[in-house]
Amino acid sequence: MTESTLRYYENKGLLPLIERDEASRRLFSEDQMPLLEIVICLKNTHMTIKGFKQYIDWVIEGESPIKLRLDM
């Protein structure tokens, strides 16, 4: 994934909780890698950005919207 794509996804709210270092570089921890992998998988489905955002919001919510995620 290119840096510009990462920036775009972050600006659209698809990569929440990404930490930054002192030089403002993104830091991806072990905990954040699964979220990035989900975004990559969703991209491969040709889902809209709006759909991405909804799915990511449900992931962040935890277990309660799991049926919605499965239905999507």
PDB file of N, CA and C in Angstrom:
ATOM      1  N   MET A   1       0.860  -1.171   0.000  1.00  0.00           N
ATOM      2  CA  MET A   1       0.000   0.000   0.000  1.00  0.00           C
ATOM      3  C   MET A   1       0.902   1.229   0.000  1.00  0.00           C
ATOM      4  N   THR A   2       0.582   2.176  -0.841  1.00  0.00           N
ATOM      5  CA  THR A   2       1.422   3.366  -0.937  1.00  0.00           C
ATOM      6  C   THR A   2       1.170   4.316   0.231  1.00  0.00           C
ATOM      7  N   GLU A   3       2.129   5.194   0.436  1.00  0.00           N
ATOM      8  CA  GLU A   3       1.991   6.195   1.495  1.00  0.00           C
ATOM      9  C   GLU A   3       0.798   7.104   1.237  1.00  0.00           C
ATOM     10  N   SER A   4       0.584   7.463  -0.020  1.00  0.00           N
ATOM     11  CA  SER A   4      -0.553   8.340  -0.332  1.00  0.00           C
ATOM     12  C   SER A   4      -1.882   7.645  -0.047  1.00  0.00           C
ATOM     13  N   THR A   5      -1.944   6.345  -0.286  1.00  0.00           N
ATOM     14  CA  THR A   5      -3.161   5.589   0.026  1.00  0.00           C
ATOM     15  C   THR A   5      -3.389   5.550   1.531  1.00  0.00           C
ATOM     16  N   LEU A   6      -2.324   5.327   2.286  1.00  0.00           N
ATOM     17  CA  LEU A   6      -2.440   5.353   3.751  1.00  0.00           C
ATOM     18  C   LEU A   6      -2.951   6.699   4.233  1.00  0.00           C
ATOM     19  N   ARG A   7      -2.390   7.772   3.670  1.00  0.00           N
ATOM     20  CA  ARG A   7      -2.836   9.118   4.059  1.00  0.00           C
ATOM     21  C   ARG A   7      -4.310   9.311   3.737  1.00  0.00           C
ATOM     22  N   TYR A   8      -4.713   8.894   2.543  1.00  0.00           N
ATOM     23  CA  TYR A   8      -6.101   9.040   2.115  1.00  0.00           C
ATOM     24  C   TYR A   8      -7.035   8.278   3.058  1.00  0.00           C
ATOM     25  N   TYR A   9      -6.712   7.028   3.339  1.00  0.00           N
ATOM     26  CA  TYR A   9      -7.551   6.231   4.224  1.00  0.00           C
ATOM     27  C   TYR A   9      -7.602   6.831   5.630  1.00  0.00           C
ATOM     28  N   GLU A  10      -6.482   7.319   6.093  1.00  0.00           N
ATOM     29  CA  GLU A  10      -6.459   7.943   7.414  1.00  0.00           C
ATOM     30  C   GLU A  10      -7.333   9.195   7.433  1.00  0.00           C
ATOM     31  N   ASN A  11      -7.247  10.008   6.397  1.00  0.00           N
ATOM     32  CA  ASN A  11      -8.064  11.225   6.307  1.00  0.00           C
ATOM     33  C   ASN A  11      -9.554  10.913   6.239  1.00  0.00           C
ATOM     34  N   LYS A  12      -9.911   9.777   5.672  1.00  0.00           N
ATOM     35  CA  LYS A  12     -11.310   9.366   5.578  1.00  0.00           C
ATOM     36  C   LYS A  12     -11.803   8.675   6.851  1.00  0.00           C
ATOM     37  N   GLY A  13     -10.899   8.512   7.835  1.00  0.00           N
ATOM     38  CA  GLY A  13     -11.290   7.899   9.097  1.00  0.00           C
ATOM     39  C   GLY A  13     -11.264   6.383   9.083  1.00  0.00           C
ATOM     40  N   LEU A  14     -10.593   5.800   8.085  1.00  0.00           N
ATOM     41  CA  LEU A  14     -10.563   4.345   7.966  1.00  0.00           C
ATOM     42  C   LEU A  14      -9.436   3.703   8.762  1.00  0.00           C
ATOM     43  N   LEU A  15      -8.511   4.506   9.235  1.00  0.00           N
ATOM     44  CA  LEU A  15      -7.397   3.998  10.041  1.00  0.00           C
ATOM     45  C   LEU A  15      -7.339   4.774  11.355  1.00  0.00           C
ATOM     46  N   PRO A  16      -8.354   4.586  12.193  1.00  0.00           N
ATOM     47  CA  PRO A  16      -8.339   5.294  13.474  1.00  0.00           C
ATOM     48  C   PRO A  16      -7.304   4.677  14.404  1.00  0.00           C
ATOM     49  N   LEU A  17      -6.974   5.377  15.402  1.00  0.00           N
ATOM     50  CA  LEU A  17      -6.093   4.894  16.461  1.00  0.00           C
ATOM     51  C   LEU A  17      -4.646   4.700  16.019  1.00  0.00           C
ATOM     52  N   ILE A  18      -4.263   5.264  14.891  1.00  0.00           N
ATOM     53  CA  ILE A  18      -2.878   5.157  14.436  1.00  0.00           C
ATOM     54  C   ILE A  18      -2.057   6.176  15.213  1.00  0.00           C
ATOM     55  N   GLU A  19      -1.023   5.694  15.847  1.00  0.00           N
ATOM     56  CA  GLU A  19      -0.150   6.579  16.616  1.00  0.00           C
ATOM     57  C   GLU A  19       0.906   7.180  15.704  1.00  0.00           C
ATOM     58  N   ARG A  20       1.519   8.256  16.181  1.00  0.00           N
ATOM     59  CA  ARG A  20       2.575   8.917  15.424  1.00  0.00           C
ATOM     60  C   ARG A  20       3.774   9.154  16.324  1.00  0.00           C
ATOM     61  N   ASP A  21       4.954   9.188  15.700  1.00  0.00           N
ATOM     62  CA  ASP A  21       6.164   9.475  16.473  1.00  0.00           C
ATOM     63  C   ASP A  21       6.413  10.983  16.495  1.00  0.00           C
ATOM     64  N   GLU A  22       7.552  11.382  17.035  1.00  0.00           N
ATOM     65  CA  GLU A  22       7.883  12.808  17.167  1.00  0.00           C
ATOM     66  C   GLU A  22       7.962  13.518  15.819  1.00  0.00           C
ATOM     67  N   ALA A  23       8.304  12.780  14.773  1.00  0.00           N
ATOM     68  CA  ALA A  23       8.405  13.355  13.425  1.00  0.00           C
ATOM     69  C   ALA A  23       7.090  13.217  12.655  1.00  0.00           C
ATOM     70  N   SER A  24       6.025  12.842  13.340  1.00  0.00           N
ATOM     71  CA  SER A  24       4.687  12.692  12.780  1.00  0.00           C
ATOM     72  C   SER A  24       4.565  11.522  11.792  1.00  0.00           C
ATOM     73  N   ARG A  25       5.473  10.549  11.893  1.00  0.00           N
ATOM     74  CA  ARG A  25       5.372   9.346  11.069  1.00  0.00           C
ATOM     75  C   ARG A  25       4.410   8.375  11.727  1.00  0.00           C
ATOM     76  N   ARG A  26       3.614   7.706  10.906  1.00  0.00           N
ATOM     77  CA  ARG A  26       2.668   6.728  11.430  1.00  0.00           C
ATOM     78  C   ARG A  26       3.411   5.539  12.034  1.00  0.00           C
ATOM     79  N   LEU A  27       2.893   5.073  13.169  1.00  0.00           N
ATOM     80  CA  LEU A  27       3.458   3.895  13.833  1.00  0.00           C
ATOM     81  C   LEU A  27       2.372   2.829  13.882  1.00  0.00           C
ATOM     82  N   PHE A  28       2.629   1.719  13.239  1.00  0.00           N
ATOM     83  CA  PHE A  28       1.677   0.618  13.242  1.00  0.00           C
ATOM     84  C   PHE A  28       2.159  -0.439  14.222  1.00  0.00           C
ATOM     85  N   SER A  29       1.407  -0.638  15.281  1.00  0.00           N
ATOM     86  CA  SER A  29       1.764  -1.637  16.285  1.00  0.00           C
ATOM     87  C   SER A  29       1.137  -2.979  15.907  1.00  0.00           C
ATOM     88  N   GLU A  30       1.487  -4.003  16.642  1.00  0.00           N
ATOM     89  CA  GLU A  30       0.904  -5.333  16.431  1.00  0.00           C
ATOM     90  C   GLU A  30      -0.622  -5.278  16.548  1.00  0.00           C
ATOM     91  N   ASP A  31      -1.124  -4.431  17.446  1.00  0.00           N
ATOM     92  CA  ASP A  31      -2.571  -4.321  17.653  1.00  0.00           C
ATOM     93  C   ASP A  31      -3.278  -3.663  16.473  1.00  0.00           C
ATOM     94  N   GLN A  32      -2.588  -2.810  15.751  1.00  0.00           N
ATOM     95  CA  GLN A  32      -3.212  -2.063  14.658  1.00  0.00           C
ATOM     96  C   GLN A  32      -3.109  -2.775  13.307  1.00  0.00           C
ATOM     97  N   MET A  33      -2.215  -3.735  13.192  1.00  0.00           N
ATOM     98  CA  MET A  33      -2.039  -4.439  11.925  1.00  0.00           C
ATOM     99  C   MET A  33      -3.306  -5.165  11.465  1.00  0.00           C
ATOM    100  N   PRO A  34      -4.060  -5.820  12.361  1.00  0.00           N
ATOM    101  CA  PRO A  34      -5.294  -6.465  11.888  1.00  0.00           C
ATOM    102  C   PRO A  34      -6.277  -5.468  11.259  1.00  0.00           C
ATOM    103  N   LEU A  35      -6.349  -4.262  11.795  1.00  0.00           N
ATOM    104  CA  LEU A  35      -7.237  -3.249  11.221  1.00  0.00           C
ATOM    105  C   LEU A  35      -6.776  -2.863   9.818  1.00  0.00           C
ATOM    106  N   LEU A  36      -5.482  -2.734   9.638  1.00  0.00           N
ATOM    107  CA  LEU A  36      -4.943  -2.434   8.308  1.00  0.00           C
ATOM    108  C   LEU A  36      -5.235  -3.593   7.354  1.00  0.00           C
ATOM    109  N   GLU A  37      -5.120  -4.810   7.832  1.00  0.00           N
ATOM    110  CA  GLU A  37      -5.428  -5.973   7.001  1.00  0.00           C
ATOM    111  C   GLU A  37      -6.898  -5.997   6.595  1.00  0.00           C
ATOM    112  N   ILE A  38      -7.787  -5.601   7.505  1.00  0.00           N
ATOM    113  CA  ILE A  38      -9.216  -5.521   7.186  1.00  0.00           C
ATOM    114  C   ILE A  38      -9.437  -4.509   6.083  1.00  0.00           C
ATOM    115  N   VAL A  39      -8.801  -3.351   6.188  1.00  0.00           N
ATOM    116  CA  VAL A  39      -8.949  -2.310   5.161  1.00  0.00           C
ATOM    117  C   VAL A  39      -8.481  -2.842   3.800  1.00  0.00           C
ATOM    118  N   ILE A  40      -7.381  -3.558   3.780  1.00  0.00           N
ATOM    119  CA  ILE A  40      -6.875  -4.121   2.531  1.00  0.00           C
ATOM    120  C   ILE A  40      -7.882  -5.128   1.958  1.00  0.00           C
ATOM    121  N   CYS A  41      -8.436  -5.972   2.806  1.00  0.00           N
ATOM    122  CA  CYS A  41      -9.441  -6.937   2.344  1.00  0.00           C
ATOM    123  C   CYS A  41     -10.680  -6.237   1.799  1.00  0.00           C
ATOM    124  N   LEU A  42     -11.147  -5.206   2.496  1.00  0.00           N
ATOM    125  CA  LEU A  42     -12.326  -4.468   2.033  1.00  0.00           C
ATOM    126  C   LEU A  42     -12.052  -3.799   0.697  1.00  0.00           C
ATOM    127  N   LYS A  43     -10.848  -3.279   0.530  1.00  0.00           N
ATOM    128  CA  LYS A  43     -10.470  -2.653  -0.745  1.00  0.00           C
ATOM    129  C   LYS A  43     -10.585  -3.663  -1.874  1.00  0.00           C
ATOM    130  N   ASN A  44     -10.179  -4.889  -1.610  1.00  0.00           N
ATOM    131  CA  ASN A  44     -10.228  -5.929  -2.636  1.00  0.00           C
ATOM    132  C   ASN A  44     -11.640  -6.354  -3.000  1.00  0.00           C
ATOM    133  N   THR A  45     -12.631  -6.004  -2.163  1.00  0.00           N
ATOM    134  CA  THR A  45     -14.029  -6.321  -2.470  1.00  0.00           C
ATOM    135  C   THR A  45     -14.680  -5.225  -3.306  1.00  0.00           C
ATOM    136  N   HIS A  46     -13.967  -4.145  -3.535  1.00  0.00           N
ATOM    137  CA  HIS A  46     -14.474  -2.976  -4.281  1.00  0.00           C
ATOM    138  C   HIS A  46     -15.614  -2.279  -3.540  1.00  0.00           C
ATOM    139  N   MET A  47     -15.613  -2.407  -2.227  1.00  0.00           N
ATOM    140  CA  MET A  47     -16.589  -1.722  -1.391  1.00  0.00           C
ATOM    141  C   MET A  47     -16.341  -0.214  -1.459  1.00  0.00           C
ATOM    142  N   THR A  48     -17.380   0.555  -1.276  1.00  0.00           N
ATOM    143  CA  THR A  48     -17.240   2.013  -1.276  1.00  0.00           C
ATOM    144  C   THR A  48     -16.533   2.471  -0.005  1.00  0.00           C
ATOM    145  N   ILE A  49     -15.991   3.677  -0.043  1.00  0.00           N
ATOM    146  CA  ILE A  49     -15.357   4.260   1.136  1.00  0.00           C
ATOM    147  C   ILE A  49     -16.374   4.378   2.270  1.00  0.00           C
ATOM    148  N   LYS A  50     -17.604   4.721   1.938  1.00  0.00           N
ATOM    149  CA  LYS A  50     -18.662   4.815   2.950  1.00  0.00           C
ATOM    150  C   LYS A  50     -18.872   3.454   3.617  1.00  0.00           C
ATOM    151  N   GLY A  51     -18.865   2.395   2.836  1.00  0.00           N
ATOM    152  CA  GLY A  51     -18.992   1.051   3.377  1.00  0.00           C
ATOM    153  C   GLY A  51     -17.810   0.679   4.251  1.00  0.00           C
ATOM    154  N   PHE A  52     -16.588   1.040   3.781  1.00  0.00           N
ATOM    155  CA  PHE A  52     -15.367   0.830   4.578  1.00  0.00           C
ATOM    156  C   PHE A  52     -15.548   1.440   5.956  1.00  0.00           C
ATOM    157  N   LYS A  53     -15.967   2.709   5.941  1.00  0.00           N
ATOM    158  CA  LYS A  53     -16.071   3.487   7.178  1.00  0.00           C
ATOM    159  C   LYS A  53     -17.055   2.828   8.139  1.00  0.00           C
ATOM    160  N   GLN A  54     -18.200   2.406   7.603  1.00  0.00           N
ATOM    161  CA  GLN A  54     -19.194   1.758   8.453  1.00  0.00           C
ATOM    162  C   GLN A  54     -18.633   0.481   9.059  1.00  0.00           C
ATOM    163  N   TYR A  55     -17.986  -0.324   8.252  1.00  0.00           N
ATOM    164  CA  TYR A  55     -17.424  -1.587   8.735  1.00  0.00           C
ATOM    165  C   TYR A  55     -16.363  -1.337   9.815  1.00  0.00           C
ATOM    166  N   ILE A  56     -15.471  -0.395   9.565  1.00  0.00           N
ATOM    167  CA  ILE A  56     -14.415  -0.070  10.540  1.00  0.00           C
ATOM    168  C   ILE A  56     -15.031   0.429  11.846  1.00  0.00           C
ATOM    169  N   ASP A  57     -16.064   1.257  11.738  1.00  0.00           N
ATOM    170  CA  ASP A  57     -16.756   1.730  12.953  1.00  0.00           C
ATOM    171  C   ASP A  57     -17.301   0.551  13.751  1.00  0.00           C
ATOM    172  N   TRP A  58     -17.865  -0.438  13.056  1.00  0.00           N
ATOM    173  CA  TRP A  58     -18.396  -1.621  13.739  1.00  0.00           C
ATOM    174  C   TRP A  58     -17.274  -2.431  14.372  1.00  0.00           C
ATOM    175  N   VAL A  59     -16.140  -2.534  13.704  1.00  0.00           N
ATOM    176  CA  VAL A  59     -14.996  -3.267  14.266  1.00  0.00           C
ATOM    177  C   VAL A  59     -14.555  -2.609  15.564  1.00  0.00           C
ATOM    178  N   ILE A  60     -14.480  -1.284  15.561  1.00  0.00           N
ATOM    179  CA  ILE A  60     -14.039  -0.541  16.741  1.00  0.00           C
ATOM    180  C   ILE A  60     -15.034  -0.704  17.889  1.00  0.00           C
ATOM    181  N   GLU A  61     -16.323  -0.818  17.568  1.00  0.00           N
ATOM    182  CA  GLU A  61     -17.340  -1.001  18.609  1.00  0.00           C
ATOM    183  C   GLU A  61     -17.169  -2.308  19.357  1.00  0.00           C
ATOM    184  N   GLY A  62     -16.597  -3.304  18.724  1.00  0.00           N
ATOM    185  CA  GLY A  62     -16.368  -4.587  19.405  1.00  0.00           C
ATOM    186  C   GLY A  62     -17.338  -5.658  18.945  1.00  0.00           C
ATOM    187  N   GLU A  63     -17.770  -6.453  19.887  1.00  0.00           N
ATOM    188  CA  GLU A  63     -18.575  -7.638  19.577  1.00  0.00           C
ATOM    189  C   GLU A  63     -20.043  -7.338  19.265  1.00  0.00           C
ATOM    190  N   SER A  64     -20.594  -6.256  19.787  1.00  0.00           N
ATOM    191  CA  SER A  64     -22.038  -6.028  19.655  1.00  0.00           C
ATOM    192  C   SER A  64     -22.535  -5.966  18.206  1.00  0.00           C
ATOM    193  N   PRO A  65     -21.814  -5.337  17.269  1.00  0.00           N
ATOM    194  CA  PRO A  65     -22.333  -5.294  15.892  1.00  0.00           C
ATOM    195  C   PRO A  65     -21.789  -6.412  14.988  1.00  0.00           C
ATOM    196  N   ILE A  66     -21.395  -7.527  15.574  1.00  0.00           N
ATOM    197  CA  ILE A  66     -20.773  -8.578  14.759  1.00  0.00           C
ATOM    198  C   ILE A  66     -21.746  -9.128  13.707  1.00  0.00           C
ATOM    199  N   LYS A  67     -23.029  -9.227  14.026  1.00  0.00           N
ATOM    200  CA  LYS A  67     -24.002  -9.713  13.045  1.00  0.00           C
ATOM    201  C   LYS A  67     -24.101  -8.740  11.869  1.00  0.00           C
ATOM    202  N   LEU A  68     -24.057  -7.453  12.153  1.00  0.00           N
ATOM    203  CA  LEU A  68     -24.088  -6.457  11.072  1.00  0.00           C
ATOM    204  C   LEU A  68     -22.882  -6.611  10.159  1.00  0.00           C
ATOM    205  N   ARG A  69     -21.717  -6.857  10.759  1.00  0.00           N
ATOM    206  CA  ARG A  69     -20.498  -7.051   9.970  1.00  0.00           C
ATOM    207  C   ARG A  69     -20.611  -8.292   9.107  1.00  0.00           C
ATOM    208  N   LEU A  70     -21.112  -9.369   9.676  1.00  0.00           N
ATOM    209  CA  LEU A  70     -21.272 -10.607   8.908  1.00  0.00           C
ATOM    210  C   LEU A  70     -22.274 -10.430   7.770  1.00  0.00           C
ATOM    211  N   ASP A  71     -23.370  -9.708   8.035  1.00  0.00           N
ATOM    212  CA  ASP A  71     -24.370  -9.460   6.990  1.00  0.00           C
ATOM    213  C   ASP A  71     -23.801  -8.616   5.862  1.00  0.00           C
ATOM    214  N   MET A  72     -22.926  -7.684   6.228  1.00  0.00           N
ATOM    215  CA  MET A  72     -22.346  -6.808   5.208  1.00  0.00           C
ATOM    216  C   MET A  72     -21.472  -7.637   4.273  1.00  0.00           C
TER     217      MET A  72
END
